[in-house]
Amino acid sequence: MGREISLPIIYRNSTFTVNLKTLYTTHREQKESLGKLIGFENVVDDLEYILRDPDIDVVDICTPNYLHFEEALESINHGKNVYCEKPLTMNSIQAKELVDLAQGTSLKNQVALVYRFMRAVSEARAIIKSGIIGEVNSFHFEMLHSGYLNPLRPISWRLEKNKSGGGAIVDLGVHLVDLVRFLIGEIVRVSAFAGTTVKRRKLEDSSQEINVDVDDWGYIMVETEYGAKGVVEVSRVAVGNDRADFVIYCSEGAIKINSENPNESEVFDKNGKRIYLDEKILKEEPFFNEVKNIYPDSKLSMGKMVDLHYTGLVWFFKSLIDGFVPLGTPTFEEAYKDQIVIESIYKSIENNGDFVNI
C-alpha cells in the first residue's frame, strides 16, 4: 500500500483510500529522493511503465503545458482516468480532440481549474443562483503576482510560447475566464491588451539572453451571454499587489471574494450593508454542499493553494467511486470552452484591442 497523507485526516467521511503507486519524472537524478519525499511506492522515468500498469486507475498530469495533449491522449488510450493541470492543451483543436476521445469512453476526466473549489466561490455561486441579490450587471476579477518582475529570473518553459501557449493570460487568466463562466455565464465577447515588461532573460546557468515572447500582464474586457460586462486583470509583475480578488455587482447588492479569506464570501445589500444569509439558501445548491463537505476546515488548512488542489483531487476521486460526474465539475469539455475564450483574447490583442465575438 502507498502512503496516504492528508485524506483520512481532513475528509473523515471518505469511503475510499488513495494509493500513491508510481511517480513519473524526467529528473532521473532526483528519482530516489522524490519517492521518499512524496511517498510513492515507485519512481520511474518512463511513462510507459505507468500506462501499462493495470493496477493504476488514475494518471495525474502535472507536466509543462506542451506535454499535456500527448500524455492525456496516451493515458486515455490505455484506459486511464485523467486529472490534468491547466490549461488542458496548447490550443482548442487539441482540447476538442481530447474531449471527443474521452466522450467515447466510460473514463472520467477533470482539469485543475481549482478556484471553482474555493469554498467562498461555491458560496457565491449559490447566492447568485438564488437570485437574492438580483441579477449580475458587472464584475471585476483580478489575479496579481509579482515574481516575474525580477529581471534576473532565468528563462523557463512558462516564458516560452511554444512550450506554454502564452504568458500571464494562460497561466492566471484561464482561472479567471473559468470563474466568469462558472459564476456568471458564458463569455460571448472580449477585448484585450497585454504587454511584456521584462523582454529579455538569460538562459539557466548561462550569460546568453533570449527574447521573451509571452505576456507578463493582461487587461481584458468581457461580456457574458446575459449581458453582464466586466474586467479580468492578470499580472505576473504586480509588485506589492500579490492577491486574487473577485467582485460581482448585482442589481440588489454585491459579492466580494478575497483569496485571503477563502472560506466565505462577503455579501452586501443594495445600500452597501454587509448581510449574512440564511444557511438554507446555500444548502439548496448541490455544488456548494459537496465543496463544503470536502474543503479543509480552517484548523486543518494546508495553505490556500494546497487546499484548493486537495479539494479538486478529492472531488475527482469521489466521482470515480460514485460513478458519475457532478454538475459544475471542471471537465475536459469545460477546459475546452475556456481555451476558446483564451484564444479569442489573444486574437483581440493581435488586433489592438478590437472586440472579438466568441
Protein backbone atom coordinates (compact mmCIF):
# COMPACT_ATOMS: atom_id res chain seq x y z
CA MET A 1 0.00 0.00 0.00
CA GLY A 2 1.18 3.51 -0.75
CA ARG A 3 1.28 6.28 1.82
CA GLU A 4 -1.86 8.27 2.47
CA ILE A 5 -1.06 11.76 3.66
CA SER A 6 -3.97 14.11 4.28
CA LEU A 7 -7.14 12.40 3.03
CA PRO A 8 -8.12 10.32 6.11
CA ILE A 9 -7.39 13.23 8.46
CA ILE A 10 -9.24 16.01 6.64
CA TYR A 11 -12.04 14.17 4.82
CA ARG A 12 -13.23 11.92 7.58
CA ASN A 13 -16.40 10.87 5.72
CA SER A 14 -14.36 9.38 2.90
CA THR A 15 -15.37 5.91 1.75
CA PHE A 16 -12.18 5.32 -0.24
CA THR A 17 -8.42 5.34 0.06
CA VAL A 18 -5.78 6.54 -2.38
CA ASN A 19 -2.67 4.53 -3.13
CA LEU A 20 0.23 6.66 -4.37
CA LYS A 21 1.53 3.95 -6.67
CA THR A 22 4.01 5.39 -9.17
CA LEU A 23 5.56 8.79 -9.87
CA TYR A 24 6.88 9.57 -13.34
CA THR A 25 9.64 12.18 -13.59
CA THR A 26 12.16 13.27 -16.19
CA HIS A 27 14.57 14.28 -13.39
CA ARG A 28 16.36 10.95 -13.24
CA GLU A 29 18.95 12.17 -10.76
CA GLN A 30 16.18 13.02 -8.27
CA LYS A 31 14.21 9.77 -8.56
CA GLU A 32 15.11 8.27 -5.18
CA SER A 33 14.78 11.49 -3.19
CA LEU A 34 11.44 12.34 -4.83
CA GLY A 35 9.99 8.96 -3.97
CA LYS A 36 10.93 9.24 -0.31
CA LEU A 37 9.77 12.86 -0.09
CA ILE A 38 6.34 12.46 -1.65
CA GLY A 39 5.55 8.91 -0.60
CA PHE A 40 5.10 6.98 -3.85
CA GLU A 41 5.85 3.27 -3.99
CA ASN A 42 7.79 3.63 -7.24
CA VAL A 43 9.51 6.45 -9.10
CA VAL A 44 10.16 5.89 -12.82
CA ASP A 45 11.49 7.88 -15.77
CA ASP A 46 9.46 6.01 -18.40
CA LEU A 47 5.81 6.97 -18.84
CA GLU A 48 5.07 3.63 -20.49
CA TYR A 49 5.63 1.96 -17.11
CA ILE A 50 2.60 3.82 -15.75
CA LEU A 51 0.43 3.42 -18.83
CA ARG A 52 0.93 -0.36 -18.95
CA ASP A 53 0.38 -0.95 -15.23
CA PRO A 54 -3.13 -2.47 -14.82
CA ASP A 55 -3.20 -1.52 -11.14
CA ILE A 56 -3.08 2.22 -11.89
CA ASP A 57 -6.55 3.78 -12.22
CA VAL A 58 -5.71 7.49 -12.45
CA VAL A 59 -2.99 9.45 -14.18
CA ASP A 60 -2.43 12.95 -12.74
CA ILE A 61 -0.72 15.08 -15.39
CA CYS A 62 1.26 17.97 -13.92
CA THR A 63 3.93 18.41 -16.57
CA PRO A 64 4.63 21.57 -18.66
CA ASN A 65 1.73 22.66 -20.88
CA TYR A 66 3.14 21.43 -24.19
CA LEU A 67 3.21 17.84 -22.90
CA HIS A 68 -0.40 17.67 -21.71
CA PHE A 69 -2.03 16.69 -25.00
CA GLU A 70 0.12 13.66 -25.81
CA GLU A 71 0.19 12.44 -22.21
CA ALA A 72 -3.59 12.74 -21.82
CA LEU A 73 -4.15 11.12 -25.21
CA GLU A 74 -1.96 8.14 -24.35
CA SER A 75 -3.45 7.82 -20.89
CA ILE A 76 -6.99 7.62 -22.22
CA ASN A 77 -5.95 5.20 -24.96
CA HIS A 78 -4.51 2.97 -22.21
CA GLY A 79 -7.76 3.07 -20.22
CA LYS A 80 -6.72 5.52 -17.50
CA ASN A 81 -8.90 8.15 -15.86
CA VAL A 82 -7.16 11.51 -16.25
CA TYR A 83 -6.72 14.50 -13.96
CA CYS A 84 -4.78 17.22 -15.82
CA GLU A 85 -3.22 20.53 -14.89
CA LYS A 86 -4.49 23.69 -16.59
CA PRO A 87 -4.57 24.60 -19.40
CA LEU A 88 -5.72 21.27 -20.80
CA THR A 89 -3.69 21.66 -24.01
CA MET A 90 -1.85 24.24 -26.09
CA ASN A 91 -4.86 25.07 -28.27
CA SER A 92 -8.58 24.43 -28.73
CA ILE A 93 -8.04 21.94 -31.58
CA GLN A 94 -6.07 19.63 -29.30
CA ALA A 95 -8.56 20.19 -26.47
CA LYS A 96 -11.51 19.27 -28.69
CA GLU A 97 -9.74 16.07 -29.76
CA LEU A 98 -9.36 15.05 -26.11
CA VAL A 99 -13.00 15.92 -25.37
CA ASP A 100 -14.21 13.76 -28.26
CA LEU A 101 -11.89 10.90 -27.33
CA ALA A 102 -12.92 10.94 -23.67
CA GLN A 103 -16.63 11.10 -24.50
CA GLY A 104 -16.27 7.86 -26.42
CA THR A 105 -15.23 6.05 -23.24
CA SER A 106 -16.56 5.49 -19.72
CA LEU A 107 -13.41 7.06 -18.27
CA LYS A 108 -13.62 10.15 -16.05
CA ASN A 109 -11.63 13.32 -16.57
CA GLN A 110 -11.05 16.61 -14.76
CA VAL A 111 -8.82 19.67 -15.13
CA ALA A 112 -7.18 21.54 -12.23
CA LEU A 113 -9.30 24.68 -12.53
CA VAL A 114 -9.20 24.64 -8.76
CA TYR A 115 -10.65 28.05 -7.96
CA ARG A 116 -14.08 26.54 -8.56
CA PHE A 117 -13.43 24.60 -5.36
CA MET A 118 -12.72 27.60 -3.16
CA ARG A 119 -15.45 27.49 -0.54
CA ALA A 120 -16.15 31.23 -0.96
CA VAL A 121 -16.56 30.78 -4.73
CA SER A 122 -19.01 27.91 -4.35
CA GLU A 123 -20.91 30.02 -1.81
CA ALA A 124 -21.04 32.98 -4.22
CA ARG A 125 -22.38 30.71 -6.95
CA ALA A 126 -25.18 29.52 -4.70
CA ILE A 127 -26.06 33.12 -3.80
CA ILE A 128 -26.12 34.26 -7.44
CA LYS A 129 -28.28 31.28 -8.46
CA SER A 130 -30.73 32.02 -5.62
CA GLY A 131 -31.42 35.50 -7.06
CA ILE A 132 -31.49 37.03 -3.59
CA ILE A 133 -29.29 39.98 -4.63
CA GLY A 134 -30.69 40.26 -8.12
CA GLU A 135 -29.03 39.83 -11.49
CA VAL A 136 -25.34 40.33 -12.19
CA ASN A 137 -24.64 43.54 -14.09
CA SER A 138 -20.85 43.95 -13.81
CA PHE A 139 -17.75 42.42 -12.25
CA HIS A 140 -14.00 42.83 -11.70
CA PHE A 141 -11.83 39.75 -11.33
CA GLU A 142 -8.09 40.11 -10.76
CA MET A 143 -5.21 37.76 -10.10
CA LEU A 144 -1.94 39.57 -9.46
CA HIS A 145 1.51 38.18 -8.77
CA SER A 146 4.95 39.77 -8.85
CA GLY A 147 7.65 37.12 -9.22
CA TYR A 148 8.38 37.73 -12.89
CA LEU A 149 9.36 41.39 -12.45
CA ASN A 150 12.79 40.23 -11.29
CA PRO A 151 14.97 40.56 -14.44
CA LEU A 152 17.44 38.01 -13.02
CA ARG A 153 14.82 35.27 -13.10
CA PRO A 154 16.05 32.97 -15.89
CA ILE A 155 14.02 31.85 -18.88
CA SER A 156 11.83 28.80 -18.30
CA TRP A 157 9.13 26.91 -20.20
CA ARG A 158 6.48 29.27 -18.77
CA LEU A 159 8.22 32.12 -20.62
CA GLU A 160 8.44 30.32 -23.97
CA LYS A 161 5.28 30.44 -26.07
CA ASN A 162 5.99 27.16 -27.87
CA LYS A 163 6.01 25.37 -24.51
CA SER A 164 3.42 27.33 -22.50
CA GLY A 165 0.95 28.59 -25.10
CA GLY A 166 1.10 32.08 -23.58
CA GLY A 167 2.06 34.07 -20.52
CA ALA A 168 0.04 35.53 -17.65
CA ILE A 169 -3.20 35.23 -19.64
CA VAL A 170 -2.74 31.47 -19.97
CA ASP A 171 -1.16 30.87 -16.57
CA LEU A 172 -3.52 33.03 -14.47
CA GLY A 173 -6.20 34.22 -16.86
CA VAL A 174 -7.52 30.75 -17.55
CA HIS A 175 -8.63 30.57 -13.89
CA LEU A 176 -10.49 33.87 -14.17
CA VAL A 177 -12.09 33.04 -17.52
CA ASP A 178 -13.27 29.79 -15.97
CA LEU A 179 -14.70 31.60 -12.94
CA VAL A 180 -16.60 34.11 -15.08
CA ARG A 181 -18.17 31.21 -16.97
CA PHE A 182 -18.82 29.26 -13.76
CA LEU A 183 -20.30 32.10 -11.73
CA ILE A 184 -21.87 34.47 -14.24
CA GLY A 185 -22.36 32.89 -17.65
CA GLU A 186 -20.75 32.00 -20.96
CA ILE A 187 -18.45 34.66 -22.41
CA VAL A 188 -19.59 35.95 -25.80
CA ARG A 189 -17.27 38.91 -26.48
CA VAL A 190 -13.81 40.09 -25.39
CA SER A 191 -11.42 42.98 -25.90
CA ALA A 192 -7.89 42.77 -24.54
CA PHE A 193 -4.50 44.39 -24.19
CA ALA A 194 -1.29 42.83 -22.88
CA GLY A 195 2.39 43.57 -22.54
CA THR A 196 5.79 42.14 -21.69
CA THR A 197 7.70 44.09 -19.05
CA VAL A 198 10.92 42.07 -18.98
CA LYS A 199 11.63 41.49 -22.65
CA ARG A 200 14.86 39.51 -22.46
CA ARG A 201 16.06 36.89 -19.97
CA LYS A 202 19.13 34.77 -19.51
CA LEU A 203 19.21 31.05 -20.02
CA GLU A 204 19.65 28.95 -16.89
CA ASP A 205 23.34 28.84 -15.88
CA SER A 206 24.35 30.94 -18.87
CA SER A 207 25.09 34.54 -19.77
CA GLN A 208 23.22 34.19 -23.07
CA GLU A 209 19.97 36.16 -23.29
CA ILE A 210 16.93 35.40 -25.43
CA ASN A 211 13.71 37.28 -26.16
CA VAL A 212 10.63 36.63 -24.02
CA ASP A 213 7.69 36.00 -26.35
CA VAL A 214 4.82 35.79 -23.82
CA ASP A 215 2.81 38.37 -21.90
CA ASP A 216 3.64 39.50 -18.35
CA TRP A 217 0.26 41.16 -17.85
CA GLY A 218 -3.16 41.34 -19.48
CA TYR A 219 -6.22 43.58 -19.20
CA ILE A 220 -9.39 42.08 -20.63
CA MET A 221 -12.92 43.42 -21.06
CA VAL A 222 -15.57 40.73 -21.09
CA GLU A 223 -19.25 40.44 -21.96
CA THR A 224 -21.36 37.42 -20.98
CA GLU A 225 -24.39 35.80 -22.58
CA TYR A 226 -26.77 37.53 -20.12
CA GLY A 227 -25.38 41.00 -20.81
CA ALA A 228 -23.14 41.35 -17.75
CA LYS A 229 -19.91 43.19 -18.51
CA GLY A 230 -16.68 43.20 -16.56
CA VAL A 231 -12.92 43.32 -16.37
CA VAL A 232 -10.49 40.45 -15.96
CA GLU A 233 -6.99 41.58 -14.96
CA VAL A 234 -3.90 39.39 -14.63
CA SER A 235 -0.25 40.12 -13.94
CA ARG A 236 2.95 38.35 -13.01
CA VAL A 237 4.76 41.69 -12.45
CA ALA A 238 2.44 43.45 -9.96
CA VAL A 239 4.83 44.22 -7.11
CA GLY A 240 3.03 44.99 -3.85
CA ASN A 241 -0.27 43.60 -5.07
CA ASP A 242 0.00 39.83 -4.81
CA ARG A 243 -3.62 38.74 -4.48
CA ALA A 244 -6.69 37.28 -6.15
CA ASP A 245 -9.94 39.20 -5.68
CA PHE A 246 -13.33 38.74 -7.33
CA VAL A 247 -16.08 41.36 -7.05
CA ILE A 248 -19.54 40.87 -8.56
CA TYR A 249 -22.05 43.72 -8.67
CA CYS A 250 -25.72 42.82 -8.88
CA SER A 251 -28.98 44.74 -9.20
CA GLU A 252 -29.78 44.27 -5.49
CA GLY A 253 -26.34 44.02 -3.90
CA ALA A 254 -22.81 42.73 -4.39
CA ILE A 255 -20.48 39.85 -3.56
CA LYS A 256 -16.78 40.14 -2.76
CA ILE A 257 -14.34 37.26 -2.60
CA ASN A 258 -10.87 37.80 -1.20
CA SER A 259 -8.47 34.91 -1.63
CA GLU A 260 -7.00 35.70 1.79
CA ASN A 261 -10.34 34.59 3.24
CA PRO A 262 -11.20 31.56 1.08
CA ASN A 263 -13.81 30.17 3.46
CA GLU A 264 -16.55 32.75 2.93
CA SER A 265 -17.68 35.47 0.58
CA GLU A 266 -18.82 38.92 1.69
CA VAL A 267 -22.36 39.81 0.69
CA PHE A 268 -23.79 43.34 0.63
CA ASP A 269 -27.32 44.64 0.11
CA LYS A 270 -28.15 47.49 -2.28
CA ASN A 271 -27.37 50.03 0.47
CA GLY A 272 -23.85 48.65 0.91
CA LYS A 273 -24.61 46.98 4.25
CA ARG A 274 -22.97 43.61 4.94
CA ILE A 275 -25.61 40.89 5.19
CA TYR A 276 -25.48 37.29 6.38
CA LEU A 277 -27.70 34.88 4.53
CA ASP A 278 -29.75 32.02 5.88
CA GLU A 279 -27.80 28.76 5.50
CA LYS A 280 -30.90 27.24 3.87
CA ILE A 281 -30.27 29.31 0.74
CA LEU A 282 -26.84 27.80 0.35
CA LYS A 283 -27.91 24.25 1.13
CA GLU A 284 -30.20 24.25 -1.89
CA GLU A 285 -27.14 24.28 -4.16
CA PRO A 286 -25.57 20.78 -4.51
CA PHE A 287 -22.16 22.04 -5.66
CA PHE A 288 -21.77 24.22 -2.56
CA ASN A 289 -22.81 21.39 -0.25
CA GLU A 290 -20.27 18.99 -1.72
CA VAL A 291 -17.42 21.53 -1.61
CA LYS A 292 -18.31 22.32 1.99
CA ASN A 293 -18.05 18.61 2.87
CA ILE A 294 -14.63 18.21 1.25
CA TYR A 295 -12.87 21.58 1.71
CA PRO A 296 -10.43 21.52 4.66
CA ASP A 297 -11.57 23.14 7.88
CA SER A 298 -9.59 26.30 8.68
CA LYS A 299 -7.89 24.46 11.56
CA LEU A 300 -6.63 21.81 9.14
CA SER A 301 -5.66 24.16 6.32
CA MET A 302 -2.52 23.28 4.37
CA GLY A 303 -2.42 26.75 2.78
CA LYS A 304 -4.83 28.21 0.23
CA MET A 305 -3.44 26.67 -2.95
CA VAL A 306 -2.85 23.26 -1.40
CA ASP A 307 -6.40 23.30 -0.01
CA LEU A 308 -7.77 24.09 -3.48
CA HIS A 309 -5.78 21.35 -5.20
CA TYR A 310 -6.64 18.90 -2.43
CA THR A 311 -10.37 19.61 -2.79
CA GLY A 312 -10.22 19.27 -6.57
CA LEU A 313 -8.45 15.92 -6.35
CA VAL A 314 -10.79 14.53 -3.70
CA TRP A 315 -13.74 15.71 -5.83
CA PHE A 316 -12.32 13.74 -8.76
CA PHE A 317 -11.63 10.60 -6.74
CA LYS A 318 -15.14 10.77 -5.32
CA SER A 319 -16.63 10.99 -8.82
CA LEU A 320 -14.76 7.79 -9.69
CA ILE A 321 -16.15 5.99 -6.66
CA ASP A 322 -19.70 7.35 -7.07
CA GLY A 323 -19.73 6.61 -10.79
CA PHE A 324 -20.95 9.99 -12.03
CA VAL A 325 -19.60 13.48 -12.70
CA PRO A 326 -21.43 16.15 -10.62
CA LEU A 327 -22.69 19.32 -12.29
CA GLY A 328 -20.03 22.02 -12.03
CA THR A 329 -17.03 19.70 -12.38
CA PRO A 330 -14.24 21.29 -14.48
CA THR A 331 -14.10 18.54 -17.08
CA PHE A 332 -12.14 18.45 -20.33
CA GLU A 333 -15.17 20.00 -22.01
CA GLU A 334 -15.19 22.94 -19.61
CA ALA A 335 -11.46 23.45 -20.14
CA TYR A 336 -12.02 23.34 -23.91
CA LYS A 337 -14.53 26.19 -23.62
CA ASP A 338 -12.01 28.17 -21.55
CA GLN A 339 -9.41 27.56 -24.24
CA ILE A 340 -11.66 29.04 -26.94
CA VAL A 341 -12.03 32.22 -24.85
CA ILE A 342 -8.26 32.43 -24.25
CA GLU A 343 -7.61 32.17 -27.99
CA SER A 344 -10.16 34.93 -28.63
CA ILE A 345 -8.37 37.13 -26.08
CA TYR A 346 -5.06 36.70 -27.91
CA LYS A 347 -6.81 37.41 -31.22
CA SER A 348 -8.06 40.71 -29.77
CA ILE A 349 -4.55 41.58 -28.56
CA GLU A 350 -3.17 40.93 -32.05
CA ASN A 351 -5.81 43.33 -33.41
CA ASN A 352 -5.00 46.18 -31.00
CA GLY A 353 -7.87 45.51 -28.62
CA ASP A 354 -10.68 45.12 -31.16
CA PHE A 355 -13.69 43.28 -29.77
CA VAL A 356 -13.83 39.61 -30.77
CA ASN A 357 -17.08 37.66 -30.77
CA ILE A 358 -16.90 34.10 -29.47
